[in-house]
Amino acid sequence: MHRIRRYFITGLLVILPVFITLYLLFIIFKFVDTIWGVPINYYLNRNFGFKVPGVGFILGIITVLIVGFVATNLFVRKFFRLIEILFLKFPVIRQVYPAVKQIVSSLISGERRAFKKVVLIEYPSRGIWSVGFLTNESFKEAREKAGRELVHVFIANTPSPFTGFLILVPKDEVKFLDMSVEEGIKLIVSGGILNP
């Protein structure tokens, strides 16, 4: 019985990461494929009697490449900026779009990392320690009101390191850990099971 249990746990450890990774890739594929694929496959099915699975995903990638290529042109960049300014005139969009743009830019762009360092802070109360990610220095008004140097620390939720909450912590109370951001993410995703 003990041997069967060990085989089962070993099997889960091998299969689950592969399954979850493939499942997440499948969800992303279906989402991207739906954007272009539904209207194109509707047209193809109605006029020619067949569908092409994955055509929306391929067209989505081609669209991103074309927009990226075109947006590198200075004139087109100014045109996109003008559209963005008009876009920001709408009430709800004005609050959401800039934040989303900044987050996506910092996560995808190789120039600026969203998480700079892994830190240890006493949170939510004294004697209880939390692992977080240093994301930025504090803004001027917060520093002036607090009367001391603050830093932005993102406390991530397990198992998703990209959801959580932001706290501003006095810089002298932050302990910097000697681990990479990737190791910190693994620690949080695993719920502390994987040590760096």
N, C-alpha and C. Protein backbone atom coordinates (compact mmCIF):
# COMPACT_ATOMS: atom_id res chain seq x y z
N MET A 1 0.83 -1.20 0.00
CA MET A 1 0.00 0.00 0.00
C MET A 1 0.88 1.28 0.00
N HIS A 2 1.96 1.24 0.80
CA HIS A 2 2.87 2.37 0.88
C HIS A 2 3.53 2.64 -0.48
N ARG A 3 3.87 1.57 -1.20
CA ARG A 3 4.52 1.69 -2.51
C ARG A 3 3.56 2.30 -3.53
N ILE A 4 2.29 1.89 -3.50
CA ILE A 4 1.28 2.42 -4.43
C ILE A 4 1.09 3.92 -4.19
N ARG A 5 1.04 4.29 -2.90
CA ARG A 5 0.90 5.71 -2.56
C ARG A 5 2.08 6.52 -3.09
N ARG A 6 3.30 5.98 -2.95
CA ARG A 6 4.50 6.67 -3.44
C ARG A 6 4.46 6.81 -4.96
N TYR A 7 4.03 5.75 -5.67
CA TYR A 7 3.91 5.81 -7.14
C TYR A 7 2.90 6.86 -7.55
N PHE A 8 1.78 6.91 -6.83
CA PHE A 8 0.73 7.86 -7.15
C PHE A 8 1.22 9.30 -6.98
N ILE A 9 1.88 9.59 -5.86
CA ILE A 9 2.40 10.94 -5.60
C ILE A 9 3.46 11.32 -6.63
N THR A 10 4.36 10.38 -6.96
CA THR A 10 5.39 10.64 -7.97
C THR A 10 4.74 10.92 -9.32
N GLY A 11 3.72 10.15 -9.66
CA GLY A 11 2.99 10.37 -10.91
C GLY A 11 2.35 11.74 -10.97
N LEU A 12 1.75 12.16 -9.84
CA LEU A 12 1.14 13.50 -9.78
C LEU A 12 2.19 14.59 -9.96
N LEU A 13 3.35 14.41 -9.31
CA LEU A 13 4.42 15.40 -9.42
C LEU A 13 4.93 15.53 -10.85
N VAL A 14 4.87 14.45 -11.61
CA VAL A 14 5.32 14.49 -13.01
C VAL A 14 4.22 15.04 -13.91
N ILE A 15 2.98 14.58 -13.72
CA ILE A 15 1.88 14.92 -14.63
C ILE A 15 1.31 16.31 -14.40
N LEU A 16 1.08 16.72 -13.13
CA LEU A 16 0.40 17.98 -12.86
C LEU A 16 1.07 19.22 -13.45
N PRO A 17 2.40 19.41 -13.28
CA PRO A 17 3.00 20.61 -13.90
C PRO A 17 2.84 20.65 -15.41
N VAL A 18 2.98 19.48 -16.06
CA VAL A 18 2.81 19.41 -17.52
C VAL A 18 1.37 19.72 -17.89
N PHE A 19 0.42 19.11 -17.17
CA PHE A 19 -0.99 19.31 -17.46
C PHE A 19 -1.40 20.77 -17.27
N ILE A 20 -1.00 21.36 -16.14
CA ILE A 20 -1.38 22.75 -15.86
C ILE A 20 -0.78 23.71 -16.88
N THR A 21 0.49 23.49 -17.26
CA THR A 21 1.13 24.33 -18.29
C THR A 21 0.40 24.22 -19.62
N LEU A 22 0.10 22.99 -20.05
CA LEU A 22 -0.62 22.80 -21.32
C LEU A 22 -2.02 23.40 -21.26
N TYR A 23 -2.68 23.26 -20.11
CA TYR A 23 -4.02 23.81 -19.94
C TYR A 23 -4.01 25.34 -20.06
N LEU A 24 -3.04 26.00 -19.41
CA LEU A 24 -2.93 27.46 -19.50
C LEU A 24 -2.63 27.91 -20.93
N LEU A 25 -1.73 27.19 -21.60
CA LEU A 25 -1.43 27.51 -23.01
C LEU A 25 -2.67 27.32 -23.88
N PHE A 26 -3.46 26.28 -23.60
CA PHE A 26 -4.69 26.02 -24.35
C PHE A 26 -5.69 27.16 -24.16
N ILE A 27 -5.83 27.66 -22.91
CA ILE A 27 -6.75 28.77 -22.63
C ILE A 27 -6.32 30.02 -23.40
N ILE A 28 -5.02 30.32 -23.38
CA ILE A 28 -4.50 31.49 -24.12
C ILE A 28 -4.75 31.32 -25.61
N PHE A 29 -4.46 30.11 -26.13
CA PHE A 29 -4.67 29.81 -27.55
C PHE A 29 -6.13 30.02 -27.93
N LYS A 30 -7.07 29.46 -27.13
CA LYS A 30 -8.50 29.58 -27.43
C LYS A 30 -8.96 31.04 -27.41
N PHE A 31 -8.46 31.81 -26.42
CA PHE A 31 -8.85 33.21 -26.31
C PHE A 31 -8.41 33.99 -27.54
N VAL A 32 -7.13 33.85 -27.92
CA VAL A 32 -6.60 34.57 -29.08
C VAL A 32 -7.27 34.08 -30.36
N ASP A 33 -7.48 32.76 -30.47
CA ASP A 33 -8.10 32.18 -31.67
C ASP A 33 -9.53 32.66 -31.85
N THR A 34 -10.25 32.90 -30.75
CA THR A 34 -11.64 33.33 -30.81
C THR A 34 -11.78 34.73 -31.42
N ILE A 35 -10.83 35.62 -31.12
CA ILE A 35 -10.93 37.01 -31.58
C ILE A 35 -11.05 37.08 -33.10
N TRP A 36 -10.14 36.43 -33.83
CA TRP A 36 -10.17 36.42 -35.29
C TRP A 36 -10.87 35.18 -35.85
N GLY A 37 -10.75 34.07 -35.16
CA GLY A 37 -11.21 32.79 -35.69
C GLY A 37 -12.70 32.67 -35.88
N VAL A 38 -13.49 33.22 -34.96
CA VAL A 38 -14.95 33.07 -35.04
C VAL A 38 -15.50 33.70 -36.32
N PRO A 39 -15.21 34.98 -36.61
CA PRO A 39 -15.77 35.54 -37.85
C PRO A 39 -15.22 34.88 -39.13
N ILE A 40 -13.93 34.54 -39.12
CA ILE A 40 -13.34 33.94 -40.32
C ILE A 40 -13.91 32.54 -40.55
N ASN A 41 -14.00 31.74 -39.50
CA ASN A 41 -14.54 30.39 -39.64
C ASN A 41 -16.04 30.40 -39.97
N TYR A 42 -16.75 31.41 -39.47
CA TYR A 42 -18.16 31.56 -39.84
C TYR A 42 -18.28 31.80 -41.35
N TYR A 43 -17.44 32.71 -41.86
CA TYR A 43 -17.44 33.01 -43.30
C TYR A 43 -17.05 31.78 -44.12
N LEU A 44 -15.97 31.11 -43.71
CA LEU A 44 -15.52 29.92 -44.43
C LEU A 44 -16.56 28.81 -44.41
N ASN A 45 -17.18 28.57 -43.27
CA ASN A 45 -18.18 27.51 -43.14
C ASN A 45 -19.42 27.82 -43.97
N ARG A 46 -19.81 29.08 -43.95
CA ARG A 46 -21.02 29.49 -44.68
C ARG A 46 -20.83 29.42 -46.19
N ASN A 47 -19.65 29.83 -46.67
CA ASN A 47 -19.43 29.91 -48.12
C ASN A 47 -18.74 28.68 -48.72
N PHE A 48 -17.90 28.01 -47.92
CA PHE A 48 -17.12 26.90 -48.49
C PHE A 48 -17.36 25.56 -47.78
N GLY A 49 -18.04 25.60 -46.63
CA GLY A 49 -18.39 24.37 -45.93
C GLY A 49 -17.29 23.75 -45.08
N PHE A 50 -16.28 24.52 -44.70
CA PHE A 50 -15.24 23.99 -43.81
C PHE A 50 -14.73 25.08 -42.87
N LYS A 51 -14.06 24.64 -41.80
CA LYS A 51 -13.46 25.55 -40.83
C LYS A 51 -11.97 25.25 -40.74
N VAL A 52 -11.19 26.27 -40.34
CA VAL A 52 -9.76 26.09 -40.17
C VAL A 52 -9.42 26.38 -38.70
N PRO A 53 -9.20 25.31 -37.90
CA PRO A 53 -8.86 25.56 -36.50
C PRO A 53 -7.49 26.23 -36.37
N GLY A 54 -7.40 27.23 -35.50
CA GLY A 54 -6.12 27.90 -35.27
C GLY A 54 -5.87 29.09 -36.17
N VAL A 55 -6.77 29.35 -37.13
CA VAL A 55 -6.55 30.47 -38.06
C VAL A 55 -6.58 31.80 -37.31
N GLY A 56 -7.42 31.91 -36.29
CA GLY A 56 -7.50 33.14 -35.50
C GLY A 56 -6.23 33.39 -34.71
N PHE A 57 -5.63 32.31 -34.19
CA PHE A 57 -4.38 32.44 -33.43
C PHE A 57 -3.26 32.92 -34.34
N ILE A 58 -3.15 32.32 -35.52
CA ILE A 58 -2.11 32.71 -36.48
C ILE A 58 -2.31 34.16 -36.91
N LEU A 59 -3.55 34.55 -37.21
CA LEU A 59 -3.82 35.94 -37.60
C LEU A 59 -3.57 36.90 -36.45
N GLY A 60 -3.82 36.46 -35.20
CA GLY A 60 -3.54 37.29 -34.03
C GLY A 60 -2.06 37.59 -33.91
N ILE A 61 -1.22 36.57 -34.10
CA ILE A 61 0.24 36.76 -34.04
C ILE A 61 0.70 37.66 -35.19
N ILE A 62 0.15 37.44 -36.38
CA ILE A 62 0.52 38.28 -37.54
C ILE A 62 0.11 39.73 -37.29
N THR A 63 -1.08 39.94 -36.70
CA THR A 63 -1.55 41.30 -36.39
C THR A 63 -0.62 42.00 -35.42
N VAL A 64 -0.21 41.29 -34.36
CA VAL A 64 0.70 41.87 -33.37
C VAL A 64 2.03 42.25 -34.04
N LEU A 65 2.55 41.37 -34.90
CA LEU A 65 3.81 41.66 -35.60
C LEU A 65 3.68 42.87 -36.52
N ILE A 66 2.57 42.94 -37.26
CA ILE A 66 2.36 44.07 -38.18
C ILE A 66 2.24 45.38 -37.41
N VAL A 67 1.44 45.37 -36.32
CA VAL A 67 1.28 46.59 -35.51
C VAL A 67 2.63 46.99 -34.92
N GLY A 68 3.41 46.03 -34.43
CA GLY A 68 4.74 46.32 -33.90
C GLY A 68 5.66 46.91 -34.94
N PHE A 69 5.63 46.35 -36.16
CA PHE A 69 6.46 46.84 -37.26
C PHE A 69 6.06 48.26 -37.65
N VAL A 70 4.75 48.47 -37.81
CA VAL A 70 4.25 49.78 -38.23
C VAL A 70 4.49 50.83 -37.14
N ALA A 71 4.34 50.44 -35.86
CA ALA A 71 4.47 51.38 -34.75
C ALA A 71 5.90 51.86 -34.54
N THR A 72 6.88 51.19 -35.15
CA THR A 72 8.26 51.66 -35.02
C THR A 72 8.53 52.88 -35.89
N ASN A 73 7.66 53.15 -36.85
CA ASN A 73 7.76 54.33 -37.69
C ASN A 73 7.38 55.57 -36.87
N LEU A 74 8.19 56.62 -36.93
CA LEU A 74 7.99 57.83 -36.12
C LEU A 74 6.64 58.48 -36.40
N PHE A 75 6.25 58.58 -37.68
CA PHE A 75 4.98 59.21 -38.04
C PHE A 75 3.81 58.41 -37.48
N VAL A 76 3.87 57.11 -37.63
CA VAL A 76 2.79 56.24 -37.15
C VAL A 76 2.71 56.29 -35.62
N ARG A 77 3.88 56.38 -34.96
CA ARG A 77 3.89 56.47 -33.50
C ARG A 77 3.16 57.74 -33.04
N LYS A 78 3.37 58.85 -33.75
CA LYS A 78 2.67 60.10 -33.42
C LYS A 78 1.16 59.95 -33.65
N PHE A 79 0.80 59.21 -34.71
CA PHE A 79 -0.60 58.95 -35.01
C PHE A 79 -1.25 58.12 -33.89
N PHE A 80 -0.55 57.06 -33.44
CA PHE A 80 -1.05 56.23 -32.34
C PHE A 80 -1.18 57.05 -31.05
N ARG A 81 -0.24 57.95 -30.83
CA ARG A 81 -0.29 58.82 -29.65
C ARG A 81 -1.52 59.71 -29.70
N LEU A 82 -1.86 60.23 -30.89
CA LEU A 82 -3.06 61.06 -31.06
C LEU A 82 -4.32 60.25 -30.77
N ILE A 83 -4.37 59.02 -31.27
CA ILE A 83 -5.52 58.14 -31.01
C ILE A 83 -5.62 57.85 -29.51
N GLU A 84 -4.47 57.65 -28.86
CA GLU A 84 -4.45 57.39 -27.42
C GLU A 84 -5.00 58.57 -26.64
N ILE A 85 -4.65 59.79 -27.04
CA ILE A 85 -5.15 61.00 -26.38
C ILE A 85 -6.67 61.09 -26.52
N LEU A 86 -7.18 60.78 -27.72
CA LEU A 86 -8.63 60.78 -27.94
C LEU A 86 -9.30 59.68 -27.12
N PHE A 87 -8.64 58.54 -27.06
CA PHE A 87 -9.12 57.37 -26.31
C PHE A 87 -9.28 57.70 -24.83
N LEU A 88 -8.36 58.52 -24.30
CA LEU A 88 -8.36 58.87 -22.88
C LEU A 88 -9.41 59.92 -22.52
N LYS A 89 -10.18 60.40 -23.49
CA LYS A 89 -11.25 61.37 -23.21
C LYS A 89 -12.46 60.69 -22.57
N PHE A 90 -12.60 59.37 -22.76
CA PHE A 90 -13.75 58.64 -22.21
C PHE A 90 -13.55 58.40 -20.72
N PRO A 91 -14.60 58.64 -19.90
CA PRO A 91 -14.46 58.61 -18.44
C PRO A 91 -13.88 57.32 -17.85
N VAL A 92 -14.44 56.16 -18.12
CA VAL A 92 -13.96 54.92 -17.49
C VAL A 92 -12.60 54.52 -18.05
N ILE A 93 -12.42 54.69 -19.34
CA ILE A 93 -11.16 54.33 -19.98
C ILE A 93 -10.02 55.15 -19.42
N ARG A 94 -10.28 56.42 -19.11
CA ARG A 94 -9.26 57.32 -18.59
C ARG A 94 -8.65 56.81 -17.28
N GLN A 95 -9.46 56.10 -16.46
CA GLN A 95 -8.96 55.57 -15.20
C GLN A 95 -8.24 54.23 -15.37
N VAL A 96 -8.70 53.41 -16.30
CA VAL A 96 -8.18 52.05 -16.42
C VAL A 96 -6.99 51.94 -17.37
N TYR A 97 -7.08 52.54 -18.54
CA TYR A 97 -6.08 52.34 -19.59
C TYR A 97 -4.65 52.68 -19.19
N PRO A 98 -4.38 53.86 -18.58
CA PRO A 98 -2.98 54.18 -18.25
C PRO A 98 -2.34 53.16 -17.30
N ALA A 99 -3.10 52.70 -16.31
CA ALA A 99 -2.55 51.72 -15.37
C ALA A 99 -2.26 50.39 -16.07
N VAL A 100 -3.20 49.94 -16.89
CA VAL A 100 -3.00 48.68 -17.62
C VAL A 100 -1.81 48.79 -18.56
N LYS A 101 -1.69 49.92 -19.25
CA LYS A 101 -0.58 50.12 -20.18
C LYS A 101 0.76 50.07 -19.45
N GLN A 102 0.83 50.71 -18.29
CA GLN A 102 2.07 50.75 -17.52
C GLN A 102 2.44 49.35 -17.01
N ILE A 103 1.46 48.61 -16.51
CA ILE A 103 1.71 47.27 -16.00
C ILE A 103 2.19 46.35 -17.12
N VAL A 104 1.48 46.36 -18.25
CA VAL A 104 1.86 45.51 -19.39
C VAL A 104 3.24 45.89 -19.87
N SER A 105 3.52 47.18 -19.96
CA SER A 105 4.82 47.64 -20.42
C SER A 105 5.94 47.16 -19.50
N SER A 106 5.73 47.25 -18.18
CA SER A 106 6.79 46.84 -17.26
C SER A 106 6.94 45.33 -17.20
N LEU A 107 5.86 44.57 -17.43
CA LEU A 107 5.96 43.12 -17.40
C LEU A 107 6.58 42.55 -18.67
N ILE A 108 6.24 43.13 -19.82
CA ILE A 108 6.70 42.58 -21.10
C ILE A 108 8.04 43.17 -21.53
N SER A 109 8.22 44.46 -21.33
CA SER A 109 9.44 45.13 -21.78
C SER A 109 10.65 44.60 -21.01
N GLY A 110 11.70 44.31 -21.73
CA GLY A 110 12.93 43.85 -21.09
C GLY A 110 13.71 44.98 -20.45
N GLU A 111 13.35 46.22 -20.78
CA GLU A 111 14.10 47.38 -20.28
C GLU A 111 13.84 47.62 -18.80
N ARG A 112 12.61 47.42 -18.36
CA ARG A 112 12.27 47.76 -17.00
C ARG A 112 11.52 46.61 -16.36
N ARG A 113 12.06 46.04 -15.32
CA ARG A 113 11.42 44.90 -14.67
C ARG A 113 10.40 45.38 -13.67
N ALA A 114 9.27 44.67 -13.61
CA ALA A 114 8.22 45.02 -12.65
C ALA A 114 8.71 44.78 -11.22
N PHE A 115 9.30 43.61 -10.98
CA PHE A 115 9.83 43.27 -9.66
C PHE A 115 11.33 43.46 -9.69
N LYS A 116 11.84 44.34 -8.84
CA LYS A 116 13.27 44.63 -8.86
C LYS A 116 14.07 43.71 -7.93
N LYS A 117 13.57 43.50 -6.70
CA LYS A 117 14.27 42.68 -5.70
C LYS A 117 13.25 41.93 -4.86
N VAL A 118 13.70 40.83 -4.26
CA VAL A 118 12.87 40.09 -3.31
C VAL A 118 13.22 40.61 -1.92
N VAL A 119 12.18 40.94 -1.15
CA VAL A 119 12.42 41.54 0.17
C VAL A 119 11.64 40.81 1.25
N LEU A 120 12.06 41.03 2.47
CA LEU A 120 11.40 40.47 3.65
C LEU A 120 10.97 41.64 4.52
N ILE A 121 9.68 41.66 4.89
CA ILE A 121 9.19 42.74 5.74
C ILE A 121 8.31 42.16 6.85
N GLU A 122 8.25 42.88 7.97
CA GLU A 122 7.35 42.47 9.05
C GLU A 122 5.95 42.94 8.69
N TYR A 123 5.13 42.00 8.24
CA TYR A 123 3.77 42.32 7.80
C TYR A 123 2.93 41.06 7.87
N PRO A 124 1.72 41.08 8.33
CA PRO A 124 0.83 42.19 8.64
C PRO A 124 1.00 42.78 10.04
N SER A 125 1.83 42.16 10.89
CA SER A 125 2.07 42.76 12.22
C SER A 125 3.48 42.39 12.66
N ARG A 126 3.94 42.99 13.73
CA ARG A 126 5.29 42.74 14.25
C ARG A 126 5.45 41.24 14.58
N GLY A 127 6.58 40.70 14.21
CA GLY A 127 6.88 39.30 14.50
C GLY A 127 6.41 38.34 13.42
N ILE A 128 5.61 38.82 12.47
CA ILE A 128 5.16 38.00 11.33
C ILE A 128 5.83 38.56 10.09
N TRP A 129 6.55 37.69 9.37
CA TRP A 129 7.33 38.14 8.22
C TRP A 129 6.67 37.72 6.91
N SER A 130 6.72 38.60 5.94
CA SER A 130 6.18 38.33 4.61
C SER A 130 7.25 38.54 3.56
N VAL A 131 7.19 37.71 2.53
CA VAL A 131 8.07 37.88 1.37
C VAL A 131 7.33 38.75 0.37
N GLY A 132 8.02 39.76 -0.16
CA GLY A 132 7.42 40.65 -1.14
C GLY A 132 8.42 41.01 -2.22
N PHE A 133 7.99 41.85 -3.13
CA PHE A 133 8.84 42.29 -4.23
C PHE A 133 8.94 43.81 -4.20
N LEU A 134 10.16 44.31 -4.22
CA LEU A 134 10.37 45.75 -4.33
C LEU A 134 10.01 46.15 -5.75
N THR A 135 9.08 47.10 -5.89
CA THR A 135 8.66 47.52 -7.23
C THR A 135 9.09 48.94 -7.57
N ASN A 136 9.27 49.79 -6.55
CA ASN A 136 9.62 51.18 -6.86
C ASN A 136 9.96 51.94 -5.58
N GLU A 137 10.53 53.13 -5.76
CA GLU A 137 10.70 54.07 -4.64
C GLU A 137 9.36 54.76 -4.44
N SER A 138 9.14 55.34 -3.28
CA SER A 138 7.86 55.98 -3.03
C SER A 138 7.77 57.30 -3.78
N PHE A 139 6.56 57.78 -3.94
CA PHE A 139 6.35 59.06 -4.60
C PHE A 139 6.52 60.19 -3.57
N LYS A 140 6.74 61.38 -4.06
CA LYS A 140 7.14 62.54 -3.24
C LYS A 140 6.15 62.83 -2.12
N GLU A 141 4.85 62.85 -2.43
CA GLU A 141 3.85 63.22 -1.42
C GLU A 141 3.84 62.21 -0.26
N ALA A 142 3.92 60.92 -0.57
CA ALA A 142 3.93 59.89 0.49
C ALA A 142 5.15 60.05 1.38
N ARG A 143 6.29 60.34 0.76
CA ARG A 143 7.53 60.53 1.52
C ARG A 143 7.41 61.75 2.44
N GLU A 144 6.84 62.83 1.94
CA GLU A 144 6.69 64.05 2.74
C GLU A 144 5.71 63.85 3.89
N LYS A 145 4.59 63.18 3.62
CA LYS A 145 3.57 62.98 4.67
C LYS A 145 4.07 62.01 5.74
N ALA A 146 4.80 60.97 5.34
CA ALA A 146 5.30 59.98 6.30
C ALA A 146 6.52 60.51 7.05
N GLY A 147 7.21 61.46 6.44
CA GLY A 147 8.40 62.02 7.07
C GLY A 147 9.61 61.10 7.02
N ARG A 148 9.58 60.12 6.16
CA ARG A 148 10.72 59.21 5.98
C ARG A 148 10.69 58.56 4.62
N GLU A 149 11.81 57.98 4.24
CA GLU A 149 11.95 57.34 2.93
C GLU A 149 11.14 56.04 2.90
N LEU A 150 10.23 55.93 1.93
CA LEU A 150 9.40 54.74 1.78
C LEU A 150 9.74 54.03 0.47
N VAL A 151 9.45 52.75 0.41
CA VAL A 151 9.58 51.99 -0.83
C VAL A 151 8.28 51.25 -1.08
N HIS A 152 7.99 50.98 -2.36
CA HIS A 152 6.81 50.21 -2.72
C HIS A 152 7.15 48.73 -2.65
N VAL A 153 6.35 48.00 -1.90
CA VAL A 153 6.54 46.55 -1.81
C VAL A 153 5.23 45.89 -2.22
N PHE A 154 5.32 44.98 -3.19
CA PHE A 154 4.16 44.24 -3.65
C PHE A 154 4.14 42.90 -2.93
N ILE A 155 3.07 42.65 -2.17
CA ILE A 155 2.89 41.38 -1.47
C ILE A 155 2.01 40.51 -2.35
N ALA A 156 2.58 39.46 -2.90
CA ALA A 156 1.86 38.60 -3.85
C ALA A 156 1.04 37.55 -3.13
N ASN A 157 -0.04 37.14 -3.78
CA ASN A 157 -0.87 36.04 -3.27
C ASN A 157 -0.36 34.71 -3.80
N THR A 158 -0.52 33.67 -3.02
CA THR A 158 -0.21 32.32 -3.48
C THR A 158 -1.48 31.76 -4.10
N PRO A 159 -1.48 31.10 -5.24
CA PRO A 159 -0.35 30.70 -6.05
C PRO A 159 -0.03 31.68 -7.19
N SER A 160 -0.76 32.79 -7.29
CA SER A 160 -0.52 33.72 -8.40
C SER A 160 0.33 34.90 -7.95
N PRO A 161 1.57 34.99 -8.41
CA PRO A 161 2.43 36.09 -7.95
C PRO A 161 2.06 37.45 -8.57
N PHE A 162 1.08 37.49 -9.47
CA PHE A 162 0.71 38.74 -10.13
C PHE A 162 -0.57 39.34 -9.56
N THR A 163 -1.11 38.70 -8.53
CA THR A 163 -2.23 39.31 -7.81
C THR A 163 -1.79 39.48 -6.36
N GLY A 164 -2.23 40.53 -5.75
CA GLY A 164 -1.82 40.81 -4.38
C GLY A 164 -2.14 42.24 -4.04
N PHE A 165 -1.32 42.86 -3.22
CA PHE A 165 -1.57 44.24 -2.84
C PHE A 165 -0.26 44.97 -2.61
N LEU A 166 -0.36 46.29 -2.71
CA LEU A 166 0.81 47.16 -2.58
C LEU A 166 0.83 47.79 -1.20
N ILE A 167 2.00 47.78 -0.57
CA ILE A 167 2.17 48.51 0.69
C ILE A 167 3.40 49.39 0.57
N LEU A 168 3.38 50.51 1.27
CA LEU A 168 4.54 51.40 1.32
C LEU A 168 5.20 51.20 2.67
N VAL A 169 6.49 50.84 2.63
CA VAL A 169 7.21 50.44 3.84
C VAL A 169 8.42 51.36 4.01
N PRO A 170 8.72 51.77 5.24
CA PRO A 170 9.96 52.54 5.46
C PRO A 170 11.16 51.73 4.96
N LYS A 171 12.02 52.39 4.22
CA LYS A 171 13.16 51.71 3.58
C LYS A 171 14.06 51.01 4.59
N ASP A 172 14.23 51.61 5.76
CA ASP A 172 15.13 51.01 6.76
C ASP A 172 14.53 49.77 7.42
N GLU A 173 13.25 49.49 7.19
CA GLU A 173 12.61 48.30 7.76
C GLU A 173 12.55 47.14 6.75
N VAL A 174 13.07 47.36 5.56
CA VAL A 174 13.05 46.33 4.51
C VAL A 174 14.35 45.55 4.54
N LYS A 175 14.25 44.24 4.54
CA LYS A 175 15.44 43.39 4.47
C LYS A 175 15.50 42.78 3.07
N PHE A 176 16.60 43.01 2.37
CA PHE A 176 16.76 42.51 1.01
C PHE A 176 17.30 41.08 1.05
N LEU A 177 16.64 40.18 0.32
CA LEU A 177 17.04 38.78 0.30
C LEU A 177 17.98 38.50 -0.87
N ASP A 178 18.92 37.57 -0.65
CA ASP A 178 19.86 37.18 -1.71
C ASP A 178 19.26 36.07 -2.56
N MET A 179 18.17 36.39 -3.25
CA MET A 179 17.57 35.43 -4.18
C MET A 179 17.06 36.19 -5.38
N SER A 180 16.99 35.50 -6.50
CA SER A 180 16.52 36.15 -7.73
C SER A 180 15.00 36.31 -7.66
N VAL A 181 14.48 37.18 -8.50
CA VAL A 181 13.03 37.38 -8.58
C VAL A 181 12.35 36.07 -8.97
N GLU A 182 12.98 35.31 -9.89
CA GLU A 182 12.41 34.03 -10.33
C GLU A 182 12.29 33.07 -9.15
N GLU A 183 13.31 33.04 -8.29
CA GLU A 183 13.25 32.17 -7.11
C GLU A 183 12.15 32.63 -6.15
N GLY A 184 11.99 33.95 -6.01
CA GLY A 184 10.92 34.49 -5.17
C GLY A 184 9.55 34.11 -5.69
N ILE A 185 9.38 34.17 -7.01
CA ILE A 185 8.10 33.79 -7.63
C ILE A 185 7.83 32.30 -7.40
N LYS A 186 8.87 31.46 -7.57
CA LYS A 186 8.71 30.01 -7.33
C LYS A 186 8.31 29.75 -5.88
N LEU A 187 8.91 30.48 -4.95
CA LEU A 187 8.60 30.33 -3.53
C LEU A 187 7.12 30.63 -3.27
N ILE A 188 6.61 31.70 -3.88
CA ILE A 188 5.22 32.11 -3.67
C ILE A 188 4.25 31.17 -4.38
N VAL A 189 4.56 30.81 -5.64
CA VAL A 189 3.68 29.91 -6.40
C VAL A 189 3.54 28.57 -5.69
N SER A 190 4.63 28.08 -5.13
CA SER A 190 4.60 26.76 -4.46
C SER A 190 4.04 26.83 -3.05
N GLY A 191 3.73 28.02 -2.57
CA GLY A 191 3.21 28.16 -1.21
C GLY A 191 4.27 27.87 -0.16
N GLY A 192 5.54 28.10 -0.53
CA GLY A 192 6.63 27.89 0.41
C GLY A 192 7.22 26.48 0.36
N ILE A 193 6.68 25.64 -0.50
CA ILE A 193 7.19 24.25 -0.60
C ILE A 193 8.59 24.24 -1.20
N LEU A 194 8.79 25.07 -2.24
CA LEU A 194 10.10 25.12 -2.90
C LEU A 194 10.95 26.21 -2.26
N ASN A 195 12.02 25.83 -1.62
CA ASN A 195 12.95 26.81 -1.06
C ASN A 195 13.96 27.23 -2.11
N PRO A 196 14.41 28.48 -2.07
CA PRO A 196 15.42 28.90 -3.06
C PRO A 196 16.75 28.21 -2.81
